């Protein structure tokens, strides 16, 4: 996948956004997403402005080698386009689906002709808007689908990165033949970035695990997986869904509380490496629990 930042001339705002987004992805450890920029009315080959170079350098980003390019019809065939203003987005709207067209923040004003301070403020505004943009892109382009044999190795890798006692590829593969198991994978750009496992017995659903790769967290993927797991359990006439969470995992407990889960008990010494109790939490699908 490629993220393409769009402005008018491709010598000020979009090169800064390109460089700063590359840094964000590098800091998250993501190397599968490419980043570039282009202009709606750019003169190909123009150098990036000196003020933009200085503004980006304050974040440890070197954009001095950037040369402008103009958007063409071939570029529009793929990728994610992030526009600096609503007017730029309107120009591209006829050619792109909703999940491929974004505006950065509330729009980024053109610093062209301003002082270095104006450019510095522009870079700061861009940098502040990028984390939220990243999550919007992930959320809009992530699908949830049933776990398939070709997903197993990637899900096992997620297990090994997220848990001290991960499921093996064999244990995951065995669930494919279990009629009571309903495992779902979150797919972004052809890669598995998260998954949830559900076992259903006698009208009760139990979440075995829910995990998202660290570099893609806080983008709503976990919530999306949970909602799909719950929807499936309701469709299959389950009355409730239950999960375990480490008692020290306050962030997860807060999230589950907000999602309608209630404390149902404690499982002493449930977790290993490190040893810890599990909080048992249940969500009922009808109010007459």
C-alpha atoms as a PDB file:
ATOM      1  CA  UNK A   1       0.000   0.000   0.000  1.00  0.00           C
ATOM      2  CA  UNK A   2       1.103   3.553  -0.698  1.00  0.00           C
ATOM      3  CA  UNK A   3      -0.019   6.746   1.046  1.00  0.00           C
ATOM      4  CA  UNK A   4       0.207   9.794  -1.224  1.00  0.00           C
ATOM      5  CA  UNK A   5      -0.003  13.294   0.241  1.00  0.00           C
ATOM      6  CA  UNK A   6      -1.553  15.889  -2.056  1.00  0.00           C
ATOM      7  CA  UNK A   7      -1.310  19.685  -2.231  1.00  0.00           C
ATOM      8  CA  UNK A   8      -1.072  22.161  -5.105  1.00  0.00           C
ATOM      9  CA  UNK A   9       2.591  22.568  -5.988  1.00  0.00           C
ATOM     10  CA  UNK A  10       4.211  19.693  -4.046  1.00  0.00           C
ATOM     11  CA  UNK A  11       7.054  21.872  -2.743  1.00  0.00           C
ATOM     12  CA  UNK A  12       5.850  22.838   0.779  1.00  0.00           C
ATOM     13  CA  UNK A  13       3.089  21.038   2.682  1.00  0.00           C
ATOM     14  CA  UNK A  14       2.961  17.629   1.059  1.00  0.00           C
ATOM     15  CA  UNK A  15       6.742  16.989   1.150  1.00  0.00           C
ATOM     16  CA  UNK A  16       6.739  17.796   4.874  1.00  0.00           C
ATOM     17  CA  UNK A  17       3.783  15.445   5.407  1.00  0.00           C
ATOM     18  CA  UNK A  18       5.522  12.741   3.371  1.00  0.00           C
ATOM     19  CA  UNK A  19       8.708  12.954   5.437  1.00  0.00           C
ATOM     20  CA  UNK A  20       6.942  13.126   8.784  1.00  0.00           C
ATOM     21  CA  UNK A  21       4.661  10.183   7.950  1.00  0.00           C
ATOM     22  CA  UNK A  22       7.684   8.096   6.977  1.00  0.00           C
ATOM     23  CA  UNK A  23       9.118   8.852  10.411  1.00  0.00           C
ATOM     24  CA  UNK A  24       5.870   7.894  12.156  1.00  0.00           C
ATOM     25  CA  UNK A  25       5.766   4.550  10.345  1.00  0.00           C
ATOM     26  CA  UNK A  26       9.443   3.926  11.054  1.00  0.00           C
ATOM     27  CA  UNK A  27       8.906   4.680  14.744  1.00  0.00           C
ATOM     28  CA  UNK A  28       6.056   2.154  14.793  1.00  0.00           C
ATOM     29  CA  UNK A  29       8.200  -0.446  13.042  1.00  0.00           C
ATOM     30  CA  UNK A  30       6.052  -0.545   9.909  1.00  0.00           C
ATOM     31  CA  UNK A  31       7.897  -1.047   6.617  1.00  0.00           C
ATOM     32  CA  UNK A  32       5.062  -2.431   4.469  1.00  0.00           C
ATOM     33  CA  UNK A  33       3.469   0.982   3.757  1.00  0.00           C
ATOM     34  CA  UNK A  34       5.091   3.259   1.186  1.00  0.00           C
ATOM     35  CA  UNK A  35       4.741   7.052   1.398  1.00  0.00           C
ATOM     36  CA  UNK A  36       5.071   9.704  -1.315  1.00  0.00           C
ATOM     37  CA  UNK A  37       3.542  13.041  -2.338  1.00  0.00           C
ATOM     38  CA  UNK A  38       2.328  14.839  -5.450  1.00  0.00           C
ATOM     39  CA  UNK A  39       0.713  18.083  -6.570  1.00  0.00           C
ATOM     40  CA  UNK A  40      -2.449  18.815  -8.511  1.00  0.00           C
ATOM     41  CA  UNK A  41      -0.694  21.626 -10.401  1.00  0.00           C
ATOM     42  CA  UNK A  42       2.961  20.866  -9.727  1.00  0.00           C
ATOM     43  CA  UNK A  43       5.850  21.593 -12.048  1.00  0.00           C
ATOM     44  CA  UNK A  44       7.698  18.262 -12.167  1.00  0.00           C
ATOM     45  CA  UNK A  45      11.218  18.445 -10.813  1.00  0.00           C
ATOM     46  CA  UNK A  46      10.855  21.585  -8.670  1.00  0.00           C
ATOM     47  CA  UNK A  47      12.900  21.575  -5.491  1.00  0.00           C
ATOM     48  CA  UNK A  48      11.259  21.590  -2.085  1.00  0.00           C
ATOM     49  CA  UNK A  49      11.281  24.997  -0.423  1.00  0.00           C
ATOM     50  CA  UNK A  50      14.195  25.816   1.866  1.00  0.00           C
ATOM     51  CA  UNK A  51      11.791  26.726   4.665  1.00  0.00           C
ATOM     52  CA  UNK A  52      10.104  23.314   4.439  1.00  0.00           C
ATOM     53  CA  UNK A  53      13.480  21.578   4.619  1.00  0.00           C
ATOM     54  CA  UNK A  54      14.347  23.503   7.789  1.00  0.00           C
ATOM     55  CA  UNK A  55      10.925  22.863   9.360  1.00  0.00           C
ATOM     56  CA  UNK A  56      11.127  19.093   8.737  1.00  0.00           C
ATOM     57  CA  UNK A  57      14.709  18.963  10.005  1.00  0.00           C
ATOM     58  CA  UNK A  58      13.489  19.960  13.462  1.00  0.00           C
ATOM     59  CA  UNK A  59      11.876  16.498  13.632  1.00  0.00           C
ATOM     60  CA  UNK A  60      14.991  14.729  12.403  1.00  0.00           C
ATOM     61  CA  UNK A  61      13.590  14.399   8.896  1.00  0.00           C
ATOM     62  CA  UNK A  62      15.596  15.256   5.765  1.00  0.00           C
ATOM     63  CA  UNK A  63      13.419  16.144   2.753  1.00  0.00           C
ATOM     64  CA  UNK A  64      16.061  18.117   0.849  1.00  0.00           C
ATOM     65  CA  UNK A  65      16.246  15.565  -1.976  1.00  0.00           C
ATOM     66  CA  UNK A  66      12.517  15.800  -2.722  1.00  0.00           C
ATOM     67  CA  UNK A  67      11.479  16.866  -6.218  1.00  0.00           C
ATOM     68  CA  UNK A  68       7.907  17.718  -7.130  1.00  0.00           C
ATOM     69  CA  UNK A  69       5.664  15.618  -9.336  1.00  0.00           C
ATOM     70  CA  UNK A  70       2.155  16.002 -10.691  1.00  0.00           C
ATOM     71  CA  UNK A  71      -0.709  13.576 -10.096  1.00  0.00           C
ATOM     72  CA  UNK A  72      -1.653  11.558 -13.171  1.00  0.00           C
ATOM     73  CA  UNK A  73      -4.357   9.044 -14.003  1.00  0.00           C
ATOM     74  CA  UNK A  74      -2.079   6.068 -13.387  1.00  0.00           C
ATOM     75  CA  UNK A  75      -1.413   7.116  -9.800  1.00  0.00           C
ATOM     76  CA  UNK A  76      -5.148   7.202  -9.099  1.00  0.00           C
ATOM     77  CA  UNK A  77      -5.519   3.481  -9.815  1.00  0.00           C
ATOM     78  CA  UNK A  78      -4.226   2.493  -6.371  1.00  0.00           C
ATOM     79  CA  UNK A  79      -3.072   3.880  -3.046  1.00  0.00           C
ATOM     80  CA  UNK A  80      -4.468   6.129  -0.342  1.00  0.00           C
ATOM     81  CA  UNK A  81      -4.648   9.874  -1.081  1.00  0.00           C
ATOM     82  CA  UNK A  82      -4.378  12.386   1.755  1.00  0.00           C
ATOM     83  CA  UNK A  83      -5.221  15.958   0.792  1.00  0.00           C
ATOM     84  CA  UNK A  84      -4.074  19.116   2.508  1.00  0.00           C
ATOM     85  CA  UNK A  85      -7.437  20.871   2.052  1.00  0.00           C
ATOM     86  CA  UNK A  86     -11.063  20.100   1.268  1.00  0.00           C
ATOM     87  CA  UNK A  87     -10.709  21.712  -2.171  1.00  0.00           C
ATOM     88  CA  UNK A  88      -7.914  19.291  -3.066  1.00  0.00           C
ATOM     89  CA  UNK A  89     -10.155  16.423  -1.957  1.00  0.00           C
ATOM     90  CA  UNK A  90     -13.040  17.693  -4.075  1.00  0.00           C
ATOM     91  CA  UNK A  91     -10.790  17.595  -7.137  1.00  0.00           C
ATOM     92  CA  UNK A  92      -9.996  13.909  -6.529  1.00  0.00           C
ATOM     93  CA  UNK A  93     -13.386  12.801  -5.226  1.00  0.00           C
ATOM     94  CA  UNK A  94     -14.745  11.659  -8.623  1.00  0.00           C
ATOM     95  CA  UNK A  95     -11.871   9.203  -9.010  1.00  0.00           C
ATOM     96  CA  UNK A  96     -11.556   7.629  -5.558  1.00  0.00           C
ATOM     97  CA  UNK A  97     -13.660   5.580  -3.163  1.00  0.00           C
ATOM     98  CA  UNK A  98     -14.293   6.925   0.332  1.00  0.00           C
ATOM     99  CA  UNK A  99     -11.755   4.642   2.002  1.00  0.00           C
ATOM    100  CA  UNK A 100      -9.004   5.916  -0.319  1.00  0.00           C
ATOM    101  CA  UNK A 101      -9.515   9.680   0.150  1.00  0.00           C
ATOM    102  CA  UNK A 102      -8.722  11.639   3.310  1.00  0.00           C
ATOM    103  CA  UNK A 103      -8.097  15.209   4.453  1.00  0.00           C
ATOM    104  CA  UNK A 104      -5.252  15.762   6.894  1.00  0.00           C
ATOM    105  CA  UNK A 105      -6.611  17.100  10.182  1.00  0.00           C
ATOM    106  CA  UNK A 106      -9.003  19.977   9.608  1.00  0.00           C
ATOM    107  CA  UNK A 107      -7.049  21.039   6.543  1.00  0.00           C
ATOM    108  CA  UNK A 108      -3.508  22.427   6.404  1.00  0.00           C
ATOM    109  CA  UNK A 109      -3.076  26.021   5.234  1.00  0.00           C
ATOM    110  CA  UNK A 110      -0.410  26.765   2.616  1.00  0.00           C
ATOM    111  CA  UNK A 111       2.661  28.364   4.243  1.00  0.00           C
ATOM    112  CA  UNK A 112       3.993  29.546   0.870  1.00  0.00           C
ATOM    113  CA  UNK A 113       5.462  33.053   1.137  1.00  0.00           C
ATOM    114  CA  UNK A 114       5.429  33.032   4.918  1.00  0.00           C
ATOM    115  CA  UNK A 115       8.265  33.324   7.400  1.00  0.00           C
ATOM    116  CA  UNK A 116      10.196  30.375   8.764  1.00  0.00           C
ATOM    117  CA  UNK A 117       7.966  30.531  11.815  1.00  0.00           C
ATOM    118  CA  UNK A 118       4.921  30.008   9.584  1.00  0.00           C
ATOM    119  CA  UNK A 119       6.543  26.938   8.046  1.00  0.00           C
ATOM    120  CA  UNK A 120       7.500  25.623  11.480  1.00  0.00           C
ATOM    121  CA  UNK A 121       3.897  25.997  12.649  1.00  0.00           C
ATOM    122  CA  UNK A 122       2.719  24.201   9.514  1.00  0.00           C
ATOM    123  CA  UNK A 123       5.084  21.288  10.188  1.00  0.00           C
ATOM    124  CA  UNK A 124       3.888  21.111  13.785  1.00  0.00           C
ATOM    125  CA  UNK A 125       0.256  21.041  12.664  1.00  0.00           C
ATOM    126  CA  UNK A 126       1.009  18.272  10.159  1.00  0.00           C
ATOM    127  CA  UNK A 127       2.941  16.207  12.691  1.00  0.00           C
ATOM    128  CA  UNK A 128       0.177  16.507  15.278  1.00  0.00           C
ATOM    129  CA  UNK A 129      -2.481  15.351  12.783  1.00  0.00           C
ATOM    130  CA  UNK A 130      -0.622  12.287  11.483  1.00  0.00           C
ATOM    131  CA  UNK A 131      -1.321   9.782  14.303  1.00  0.00           C
ATOM    132  CA  UNK A 132      -5.073  10.303  13.994  1.00  0.00           C
ATOM    133  CA  UNK A 133      -4.816  10.087  10.199  1.00  0.00           C
ATOM    134  CA  UNK A 134      -2.926   6.798  10.471  1.00  0.00           C
ATOM    135  CA  UNK A 135      -5.709   5.316  12.603  1.00  0.00           C
ATOM    136  CA  UNK A 136      -8.406   6.548  10.223  1.00  0.00           C
ATOM    137  CA  UNK A 137      -6.630   4.880   7.310  1.00  0.00           C
ATOM    138  CA  UNK A 138      -6.236   1.614   9.221  1.00  0.00           C
ATOM    139  CA  UNK A 139      -9.858   1.627  10.382  1.00  0.00           C
ATOM    140  CA  UNK A 140     -11.294   2.432   6.947  1.00  0.00           C
ATOM    141  CA  UNK A 141      -9.242  -0.228   5.176  1.00  0.00           C
ATOM    142  CA  UNK A 142      -9.336  -3.130   7.647  1.00  0.00           C
ATOM    143  CA  UNK A 143     -11.803  -5.952   7.063  1.00  0.00           C
ATOM    144  CA  UNK A 144     -12.763  -8.795   9.385  1.00  0.00           C
ATOM    145  CA  UNK A 145     -13.156 -12.274   7.931  1.00  0.00           C
ATOM    146  CA  UNK A 146     -13.242 -15.882   9.159  1.00  0.00           C
ATOM    147  CA  UNK A 147      -9.842 -17.402   9.864  1.00  0.00           C
ATOM    148  CA  UNK A 148      -8.535 -19.434   6.917  1.00  0.00           C
ATOM    149  CA  UNK A 149      -5.649 -21.911   6.587  1.00  0.00           C
ATOM    150  CA  UNK A 150      -3.518 -19.265   4.879  1.00  0.00           C
ATOM    151  CA  UNK A 151      -3.925 -16.993   7.930  1.00  0.00           C
ATOM    152  CA  UNK A 152      -2.502 -19.451  10.443  1.00  0.00           C
ATOM    153  CA  UNK A 153       1.191 -18.579  10.244  1.00  0.00           C
ATOM    154  CA  UNK A 154       0.543 -14.835  10.601  1.00  0.00           C
ATOM    155  CA  UNK A 155      -1.855 -15.363  13.514  1.00  0.00           C
ATOM    156  CA  UNK A 156       0.713 -17.591  15.228  1.00  0.00           C
ATOM    157  CA  UNK A 157       3.225 -14.764  14.816  1.00  0.00           C
ATOM    158  CA  UNK A 158       0.765 -12.350  16.454  1.00  0.00           C
ATOM    159  CA  UNK A 159       0.358 -14.832  19.317  1.00  0.00           C
ATOM    160  CA  UNK A 160       4.114 -15.080  19.822  1.00  0.00           C
ATOM    161  CA  UNK A 161       4.487 -11.296  19.893  1.00  0.00           C
ATOM    162  CA  UNK A 162       1.552 -10.597  22.192  1.00  0.00           C
ATOM    163  CA  UNK A 163       1.479 -13.439  24.723  1.00  0.00           C
ATOM    164  CA  UNK A 164       3.967 -15.177  27.000  1.00  0.00           C
ATOM    165  CA  UNK A 165       2.338 -18.561  26.326  1.00  0.00           C
ATOM    166  CA  UNK A 166       1.227 -18.331  22.681  1.00  0.00           C
ATOM    167  CA  UNK A 167      -0.894 -20.771  20.761  1.00  0.00           C
ATOM    168  CA  UNK A 168       1.051 -22.805  18.217  1.00  0.00           C
ATOM    169  CA  UNK A 169       0.260 -23.078  14.515  1.00  0.00           C
ATOM    170  CA  UNK A 170      -1.013 -26.600  15.160  1.00  0.00           C
ATOM    171  CA  UNK A 171      -3.369 -25.527  17.930  1.00  0.00           C
ATOM    172  CA  UNK A 172      -4.734 -22.768  15.716  1.00  0.00           C
ATOM    173  CA  UNK A 173      -5.096 -25.132  12.752  1.00  0.00           C
ATOM    174  CA  UNK A 174      -6.996 -27.604  14.919  1.00  0.00           C
ATOM    175  CA  UNK A 175      -9.678 -24.971  15.517  1.00  0.00           C
ATOM    176  CA  UNK A 176     -10.445 -24.852  11.789  1.00  0.00           C
ATOM    177  CA  UNK A 177     -12.054 -28.273  12.168  1.00  0.00           C
ATOM    178  CA  UNK A 178     -13.882 -27.428  15.392  1.00  0.00           C
ATOM    179  CA  UNK A 179     -17.526 -26.680  14.660  1.00  0.00           C
ATOM    180  CA  UNK A 180     -17.801 -24.794  17.953  1.00  0.00           C
ATOM    181  CA  UNK A 181     -14.871 -22.498  17.135  1.00  0.00           C
ATOM    182  CA  UNK A 182     -15.349 -19.191  15.331  1.00  0.00           C
ATOM    183  CA  UNK A 183     -12.031 -17.398  14.808  1.00  0.00           C
ATOM    184  CA  UNK A 184     -11.866 -14.081  12.966  1.00  0.00           C
ATOM    185  CA  UNK A 185      -8.919 -12.275  11.365  1.00  0.00           C
ATOM    186  CA  UNK A 186      -8.468  -8.513  10.864  1.00  0.00           C
ATOM    187  CA  UNK A 187      -6.950  -7.963   7.428  1.00  0.00           C
ATOM    188  CA  UNK A 188      -5.219  -4.754   6.358  1.00  0.00           C
ATOM    189  CA  UNK A 189      -3.502  -4.466   2.979  1.00  0.00           C
ATOM    190  CA  UNK A 190      -3.440  -8.256   2.634  1.00  0.00           C
ATOM    191  CA  UNK A 191      -1.788  -8.794   6.040  1.00  0.00           C
ATOM    192  CA  UNK A 192      -3.261 -10.068   9.295  1.00  0.00           C
ATOM    193  CA  UNK A 193      -2.930  -7.356  11.949  1.00  0.00           C
ATOM    194  CA  UNK A 194      -5.177  -8.899  14.606  1.00  0.00           C
ATOM    195  CA  UNK A 195      -7.509 -11.723  15.424  1.00  0.00           C
ATOM    196  CA  UNK A 196     -10.101 -12.971  17.897  1.00  0.00           C
ATOM    197  CA  UNK A 197     -10.971 -16.531  18.839  1.00  0.00           C
ATOM    198  CA  UNK A 198     -14.411 -17.595  20.080  1.00  0.00           C
ATOM    199  CA  UNK A 199     -15.587 -20.995  21.340  1.00  0.00           C
ATOM    200  CA  UNK A 200     -19.354 -21.489  21.664  1.00  0.00           C
ATOM    201  CA  UNK A 201     -20.944 -24.243  23.735  1.00  0.00           C
ATOM    202  CA  UNK A 202     -24.577 -24.604  24.827  1.00  0.00           C
ATOM    203  CA  UNK A 203     -25.503 -21.020  24.058  1.00  0.00           C
ATOM    204  CA  UNK A 204     -22.480 -19.500  25.778  1.00  0.00           C
ATOM    205  CA  UNK A 205     -19.598 -17.900  23.869  1.00  0.00           C
ATOM    206  CA  UNK A 206     -16.092 -17.666  25.312  1.00  0.00           C
ATOM    207  CA  UNK A 207     -13.380 -15.434  23.852  1.00  0.00           C
ATOM    208  CA  UNK A 208     -10.149 -17.408  23.939  1.00  0.00           C
ATOM    209  CA  UNK A 209      -7.899 -14.565  22.792  1.00  0.00           C
ATOM    210  CA  UNK A 210      -8.060 -11.170  21.141  1.00  0.00           C
ATOM    211  CA  UNK A 211      -4.819  -9.630  19.934  1.00  0.00           C
ATOM    212  CA  UNK A 212      -3.610  -6.839  17.652  1.00  0.00           C
ATOM    213  CA  UNK A 213      -0.043  -6.282  16.486  1.00  0.00           C
ATOM    214  CA  UNK A 214       1.553  -3.548  18.654  1.00  0.00           C
ATOM    215  CA  UNK A 215       2.287  -1.282  15.690  1.00  0.00           C
ATOM    216  CA  UNK A 216      -1.395  -1.217  14.709  1.00  0.00           C
ATOM    217  CA  UNK A 217      -2.920  -0.728  18.151  1.00  0.00           C
ATOM    218  CA  UNK A 218      -5.159   2.140  19.251  1.00  0.00           C
ATOM    219  CA  UNK A 219      -6.786   2.297  15.837  1.00  0.00           C
ATOM    220  CA  UNK A 220     -10.043   0.521  16.718  1.00  0.00           C
ATOM    221  CA  UNK A 221      -9.055  -2.892  15.352  1.00  0.00           C
ATOM    222  CA  UNK A 222      -9.592  -4.681  18.665  1.00  0.00           C
ATOM    223  CA  UNK A 223     -13.033  -3.108  19.052  1.00  0.00           C
ATOM    224  CA  UNK A 224     -13.923  -4.063  15.488  1.00  0.00           C
ATOM    225  CA  UNK A 225     -12.935  -7.682  16.128  1.00  0.00           C
ATOM    226  CA  UNK A 226     -14.924  -7.792  19.371  1.00  0.00           C
ATOM    227  CA  UNK A 227     -18.048  -6.371  17.734  1.00  0.00           C
ATOM    228  CA  UNK A 228     -17.879  -8.944  14.915  1.00  0.00           C
ATOM    229  CA  UNK A 229     -17.344 -11.746  17.436  1.00  0.00           C
ATOM    230  CA  UNK A 230     -20.379 -10.587  19.421  1.00  0.00           C
ATOM    231  CA  UNK A 231     -22.482 -10.211  16.273  1.00  0.00           C
ATOM    232  CA  UNK A 232     -21.644 -13.773  15.248  1.00  0.00           C
ATOM    233  CA  UNK A 233     -22.470 -15.128  18.702  1.00  0.00           C
ATOM    234  CA  UNK A 234     -25.860 -13.397  18.655  1.00  0.00           C
ATOM    235  CA  UNK A 235     -26.565 -14.776  15.171  1.00  0.00           C
ATOM    236  CA  UNK A 236     -25.849 -18.273  16.482  1.00  0.00           C
ATOM    237  CA  UNK A 237     -28.279 -17.719  19.370  1.00  0.00           C
ATOM    238  CA  UNK A 238     -25.752 -17.390  22.172  1.00  0.00           C
ATOM    239  CA  UNK A 239     -27.087 -15.782  25.336  1.00  0.00           C
ATOM    240  CA  UNK A 240     -23.788 -14.357  26.549  1.00  0.00           C
ATOM    241  CA  UNK A 241     -20.106 -13.929  25.770  1.00  0.00           C
ATOM    242  CA  UNK A 242     -17.294 -14.204  28.321  1.00  0.00           C
ATOM    243  CA  UNK A 243     -13.598 -13.366  28.429  1.00  0.00           C
ATOM    244  CA  UNK A 244     -10.645 -13.386  30.812  1.00  0.00           C
ATOM    245  CA  UNK A 245      -8.279 -10.477  31.326  1.00  0.00           C
ATOM    246  CA  UNK A 246      -5.292  -9.992  33.620  1.00  0.00           C
ATOM    247  CA  UNK A 247      -6.377  -8.123  36.745  1.00  0.00           C
ATOM    248  CA  UNK A 248      -3.507  -5.676  36.165  1.00  0.00           C
ATOM    249  CA  UNK A 249      -4.631  -4.794  32.634  1.00  0.00           C
ATOM    250  CA  UNK A 250      -6.628  -1.715  33.611  1.00  0.00           C
ATOM    251  CA  UNK A 251      -6.815  -0.309  30.061  1.00  0.00           C
ATOM    252  CA  UNK A 252      -8.405  -3.495  28.689  1.00  0.00           C
ATOM    253  CA  UNK A 253     -10.772  -3.778  31.653  1.00  0.00           C
ATOM    254  CA  UNK A 254     -11.915  -0.199  31.089  1.00  0.00           C
ATOM    255  CA  UNK A 255     -12.509  -0.916  27.399  1.00  0.00           C
ATOM    256  CA  UNK A 256     -14.533  -4.048  28.181  1.00  0.00           C
ATOM    257  CA  UNK A 257     -16.604  -2.177  30.757  1.00  0.00           C
ATOM    258  CA  UNK A 258     -17.446   0.469  28.173  1.00  0.00           C
ATOM    259  CA  UNK A 259     -18.423  -2.310  25.757  1.00  0.00           C
ATOM    260  CA  UNK A 260     -20.981  -3.716  28.213  1.00  0.00           C
ATOM    261  CA  UNK A 261     -18.957  -6.441  29.940  1.00  0.00           C
ATOM    262  CA  UNK A 262     -19.468  -6.935  33.679  1.00  0.00           C
ATOM    263  CA  UNK A 263     -17.242  -8.597  36.264  1.00  0.00           C
ATOM    264  CA  UNK A 264     -18.368 -12.189  36.780  1.00  0.00           C
ATOM    265  CA  UNK A 265     -15.604 -13.591  38.982  1.00  0.00           C
ATOM    266  CA  UNK A 266     -11.904 -14.204  39.522  1.00  0.00           C
ATOM    267  CA  UNK A 267      -9.847 -17.144  38.285  1.00  0.00           C
ATOM    268  CA  UNK A 268      -6.945 -17.523  40.669  1.00  0.00           C
ATOM    269  CA  UNK A 269      -3.515 -18.027  39.116  1.00  0.00           C
ATOM    270  CA  UNK A 270      -5.035 -18.330  35.631  1.00  0.00           C
ATOM    271  CA  UNK A 271      -2.135 -16.672  33.833  1.00  0.00           C
ATOM    272  CA  UNK A 272       1.487 -17.786  33.682  1.00  0.00           C
ATOM    273  CA  UNK A 273       4.678 -15.867  32.890  1.00  0.00           C
ATOM    274  CA  UNK A 274       4.016 -13.901  35.026  1.00  0.00           C
ATOM    275  CA  UNK A 275       1.629 -15.672  37.375  1.00  0.00           C
ATOM    276  CA  UNK A 276      -1.507 -13.589  37.839  1.00  0.00           C
ATOM    277  CA  UNK A 277      -5.213 -13.839  38.505  1.00  0.00           C
ATOM    278  CA  UNK A 278      -7.732 -13.394  35.716  1.00  0.00           C
ATOM    279  CA  UNK A 279     -10.790 -11.205  35.925  1.00  0.00           C
ATOM    280  CA  UNK A 280     -13.743 -12.991  34.372  1.00  0.00           C
ATOM    281  CA  UNK A 281     -16.046 -10.626  32.465  1.00  0.00           C
ATOM    282  CA  UNK A 282     -19.371 -11.396  30.788  1.00  0.00           C
ATOM    283  CA  UNK A 283     -21.691  -9.566  28.436  1.00  0.00           C
ATOM    284  CA  UNK A 284     -25.308 -10.709  28.225  1.00  0.00           C
ATOM    285  CA  UNK A 285     -27.204 -10.352  24.983  1.00  0.00           C
ATOM    286  CA  UNK A 286     -30.602  -9.974  26.612  1.00  0.00           C
ATOM    287  CA  UNK A 287     -31.500  -7.881  29.612  1.00  0.00           C
ATOM    288  CA  UNK A 288     -33.223 -10.747  31.459  1.00  0.00           C
ATOM    289  CA  UNK A 289     -29.910 -12.336  32.467  1.00  0.00           C
END
